[in-house]
Amino acid sequence: METFTAAVDFLRLGGAQRIGILGTSKGAEAALLTAVHDSRVDVTIALSPTSRVWSNVGPGRDGAHHPYRSSWTWRERPLPFVPMDDSWTPTEPDSGPVAIRGWYELSERTFAHSLAPTEIPVEAARADVVLAAGGDDAMWPSLPYAEQLAQRRRSAGATVRLIVRDDAGHRPRL
């Protein structure tokens, strides 16, 4: 998160009066977390978001993928994250767009006992929050995640704008 808060510093030093962050997928995870950790963010737009912190994308310490690690740090400390359950196997051939939603869903079930600390506390963000998600997302269940985020915001009395299209997938087309 330090990279993003440094960017906020840069924009403020350059005279920016309002700061907005837009992110898609893993970038939406970063945008939401930045808004949670930096009160100078005025608006966050998360496209195909997740409601929790997930493990790294790309190689781990072994140069391949193990052990999983947090994708994000705050004040140089790794944020709690959900690791991936490596017992998952794709049900469809490896062709076309990536479809690994089942892997995320399995990982949530496998690590259900430790999900609470991985939740993105979006209700704590001062920023206005806009969430956009599709019901046909094959990458991860962005619509249920967006609904969870919106519910937490509303329960805390914070505003949120949820934009949903049931036939939309993971990749936004603006």
Foldseek 3Di string as FASTA:
>chain_A
DVVVVVVVVVCVVVPDPAAEQEAAEVGLVVQLLCLLVDQRHAEYEYELYAQFWAWDDADDPVNGPPPTFTPDDDPPHGQDHQYWDVVDDDPDDPDDDDQDQVRVVVSCVVVVVPGVSGGRQSLNGPYEYEYEYELAERHHRSVVRLVVSCVSNVVSVHHYHYHYDHHDYRDDDD
